[in-house]
């Protein structure tokens, strides 16, 4: 696990089964016609996700404050768009001051 390997000092969510992503409406089904293509490239989504479903989560970055409020949220259906690390660092610095 990344959190253990990198010895991070904060909790990291590993959402096996995508139950949290589903609660936030961030999971979408892979169309039946696309499933053989995924299988052919070795992407066995049910095995990877720990469920029998053919679903993918939308990539997102969330920073949750100690009181449980979401201090930063970034979601983009295009998996190639990611939040700049500096935005995360700035959010964490702001939270550390409060």
C-alpha atoms as a PDB file:
ATOM      1  CA  UNK A   1       0.000   0.000   0.000  1.00  0.00           C
ATOM      2  CA  UNK A   2       1.282   3.446  -0.901  1.00  0.00           C
ATOM      3  CA  UNK A   3       0.526   4.971   2.499  1.00  0.00           C
ATOM      4  CA  UNK A   4       2.614   2.350   4.301  1.00  0.00           C
ATOM      5  CA  UNK A   5       5.402   2.371   1.722  1.00  0.00           C
ATOM      6  CA  UNK A   6       5.743   6.141   1.784  1.00  0.00           C
ATOM      7  CA  UNK A   7       5.158   6.387   5.545  1.00  0.00           C
ATOM      8  CA  UNK A   8       2.622   9.193   5.178  1.00  0.00           C
ATOM      9  CA  UNK A   9       1.393  10.882   8.338  1.00  0.00           C
ATOM     10  CA  UNK A  10      -2.266  11.021   7.314  1.00  0.00           C
ATOM     11  CA  UNK A  11      -5.034   8.586   6.485  1.00  0.00           C
ATOM     12  CA  UNK A  12      -5.365   7.419   2.891  1.00  0.00           C
ATOM     13  CA  UNK A  13      -8.609   5.878   1.656  1.00  0.00           C
ATOM     14  CA  UNK A  14      -8.359   2.653  -0.328  1.00  0.00           C
ATOM     15  CA  UNK A  15     -11.850   2.241  -1.744  1.00  0.00           C
ATOM     16  CA  UNK A  16     -11.978  -1.465  -2.596  1.00  0.00           C
ATOM     17  CA  UNK A  17     -15.415  -2.176  -3.992  1.00  0.00           C
ATOM     18  CA  UNK A  18     -15.874   1.537  -4.754  1.00  0.00           C
ATOM     19  CA  UNK A  19     -18.449   2.016  -2.018  1.00  0.00           C
ATOM     20  CA  UNK A  20     -17.268   5.532  -1.147  1.00  0.00           C
ATOM     21  CA  UNK A  21     -16.965   6.597  -4.796  1.00  0.00           C
ATOM     22  CA  UNK A  22     -20.467   5.262  -5.380  1.00  0.00           C
ATOM     23  CA  UNK A  23     -21.830   7.346  -2.487  1.00  0.00           C
ATOM     24  CA  UNK A  24     -20.444  10.460  -4.165  1.00  0.00           C
ATOM     25  CA  UNK A  25     -21.817   9.488  -7.585  1.00  0.00           C
ATOM     26  CA  UNK A  26     -18.336   8.988  -9.018  1.00  0.00           C
ATOM     27  CA  UNK A  27     -18.739   5.485 -10.461  1.00  0.00           C
ATOM     28  CA  UNK A  28     -19.853   4.638 -13.966  1.00  0.00           C
ATOM     29  CA  UNK A  29     -20.536   1.287 -15.642  1.00  0.00           C
ATOM     30  CA  UNK A  30     -18.379   0.071 -18.507  1.00  0.00           C
ATOM     31  CA  UNK A  31     -20.614  -0.704 -21.485  1.00  0.00           C
ATOM     32  CA  UNK A  32     -21.074  -4.389 -22.283  1.00  0.00           C
ATOM     33  CA  UNK A  33     -19.617  -3.886 -25.760  1.00  0.00           C
ATOM     34  CA  UNK A  34     -16.354  -2.512 -24.267  1.00  0.00           C
ATOM     35  CA  UNK A  35     -15.761  -5.288 -21.746  1.00  0.00           C
ATOM     36  CA  UNK A  36     -14.038  -7.682 -24.186  1.00  0.00           C
ATOM     37  CA  UNK A  37     -11.664  -4.872 -25.149  1.00  0.00           C
ATOM     38  CA  UNK A  38     -10.773  -4.312 -21.501  1.00  0.00           C
ATOM     39  CA  UNK A  39     -10.253  -8.064 -21.065  1.00  0.00           C
ATOM     40  CA  UNK A  40      -8.008  -8.228 -24.139  1.00  0.00           C
ATOM     41  CA  UNK A  41      -5.668  -5.622 -22.688  1.00  0.00           C
ATOM     42  CA  UNK A  42      -5.571  -7.389 -19.343  1.00  0.00           C
ATOM     43  CA  UNK A  43      -7.886  -4.997 -17.507  1.00  0.00           C
ATOM     44  CA  UNK A  44      -9.998  -7.408 -15.458  1.00  0.00           C
ATOM     45  CA  UNK A  45     -12.061  -4.761 -13.698  1.00  0.00           C
ATOM     46  CA  UNK A  46     -14.066  -7.107 -11.458  1.00  0.00           C
ATOM     47  CA  UNK A  47     -10.852  -8.673 -10.121  1.00  0.00           C
ATOM     48  CA  UNK A  48      -9.116  -5.316  -9.747  1.00  0.00           C
ATOM     49  CA  UNK A  49     -12.085  -3.652  -8.052  1.00  0.00           C
ATOM     50  CA  UNK A  50     -12.790  -6.540  -5.707  1.00  0.00           C
ATOM     51  CA  UNK A  51     -16.365  -6.867  -6.953  1.00  0.00           C
ATOM     52  CA  UNK A  52     -18.225  -8.615  -9.763  1.00  0.00           C
ATOM     53  CA  UNK A  53     -19.220  -5.321 -11.380  1.00  0.00           C
ATOM     54  CA  UNK A  54     -17.758  -3.744 -14.457  1.00  0.00           C
ATOM     55  CA  UNK A  55     -17.477  -0.211 -13.118  1.00  0.00           C
ATOM     56  CA  UNK A  56     -14.835   2.459 -13.078  1.00  0.00           C
ATOM     57  CA  UNK A  57     -14.502   5.366 -10.683  1.00  0.00           C
ATOM     58  CA  UNK A  58     -13.894   8.860 -11.945  1.00  0.00           C
ATOM     59  CA  UNK A  59     -10.492  10.015 -10.772  1.00  0.00           C
ATOM     60  CA  UNK A  60     -10.630  12.532  -7.997  1.00  0.00           C
ATOM     61  CA  UNK A  61      -8.590  14.185  -5.320  1.00  0.00           C
ATOM     62  CA  UNK A  62     -10.116  15.133  -2.003  1.00  0.00           C
ATOM     63  CA  UNK A  63      -8.629  16.706   1.097  1.00  0.00           C
ATOM     64  CA  UNK A  64     -10.769  16.195   4.169  1.00  0.00           C
ATOM     65  CA  UNK A  65     -10.240  18.403   7.199  1.00  0.00           C
ATOM     66  CA  UNK A  66     -10.008  16.950  10.698  1.00  0.00           C
ATOM     67  CA  UNK A  67     -13.616  17.970  11.349  1.00  0.00           C
ATOM     68  CA  UNK A  68     -14.774  15.917   8.347  1.00  0.00           C
ATOM     69  CA  UNK A  69     -15.477  18.784   5.976  1.00  0.00           C
ATOM     70  CA  UNK A  70     -14.164  18.574   2.447  1.00  0.00           C
ATOM     71  CA  UNK A  71     -11.525  21.269   2.160  1.00  0.00           C
ATOM     72  CA  UNK A  72     -10.633  20.531  -1.453  1.00  0.00           C
ATOM     73  CA  UNK A  73     -12.357  18.496  -4.152  1.00  0.00           C
ATOM     74  CA  UNK A  74     -11.274  17.910  -7.719  1.00  0.00           C
ATOM     75  CA  UNK A  75     -13.007  15.481 -10.094  1.00  0.00           C
ATOM     76  CA  UNK A  76     -12.673  15.254 -13.846  1.00  0.00           C
ATOM     77  CA  UNK A  77     -14.192  12.510 -16.001  1.00  0.00           C
ATOM     78  CA  UNK A  78     -11.099  12.769 -18.220  1.00  0.00           C
ATOM     79  CA  UNK A  79      -8.547  10.672 -16.344  1.00  0.00           C
ATOM     80  CA  UNK A  80      -5.705  12.587 -18.007  1.00  0.00           C
ATOM     81  CA  UNK A  81      -6.674  15.774 -16.134  1.00  0.00           C
ATOM     82  CA  UNK A  82      -5.274  15.780 -12.620  1.00  0.00           C
ATOM     83  CA  UNK A  83      -5.089  18.374  -9.890  1.00  0.00           C
ATOM     84  CA  UNK A  84      -1.768  20.182  -9.686  1.00  0.00           C
ATOM     85  CA  UNK A  85       0.185  19.012  -6.622  1.00  0.00           C
ATOM     86  CA  UNK A  86       0.770  22.615  -5.567  1.00  0.00           C
ATOM     87  CA  UNK A  87      -2.993  23.085  -5.091  1.00  0.00           C
ATOM     88  CA  UNK A  88      -3.031  20.157  -2.676  1.00  0.00           C
ATOM     89  CA  UNK A  89       0.019  21.420  -0.809  1.00  0.00           C
ATOM     90  CA  UNK A  90      -1.509  24.890  -0.507  1.00  0.00           C
ATOM     91  CA  UNK A  91      -4.746  23.428   0.860  1.00  0.00           C
ATOM     92  CA  UNK A  92      -2.817  21.378   3.411  1.00  0.00           C
ATOM     93  CA  UNK A  93      -0.832  24.444   4.472  1.00  0.00           C
ATOM     94  CA  UNK A  94      -4.053  26.391   4.953  1.00  0.00           C
ATOM     95  CA  UNK A  95      -5.537  23.594   7.033  1.00  0.00           C
ATOM     96  CA  UNK A  96      -2.381  23.360   9.147  1.00  0.00           C
ATOM     97  CA  UNK A  97      -2.721  27.039  10.066  1.00  0.00           C
ATOM     98  CA  UNK A  98      -6.305  26.657  11.281  1.00  0.00           C
END
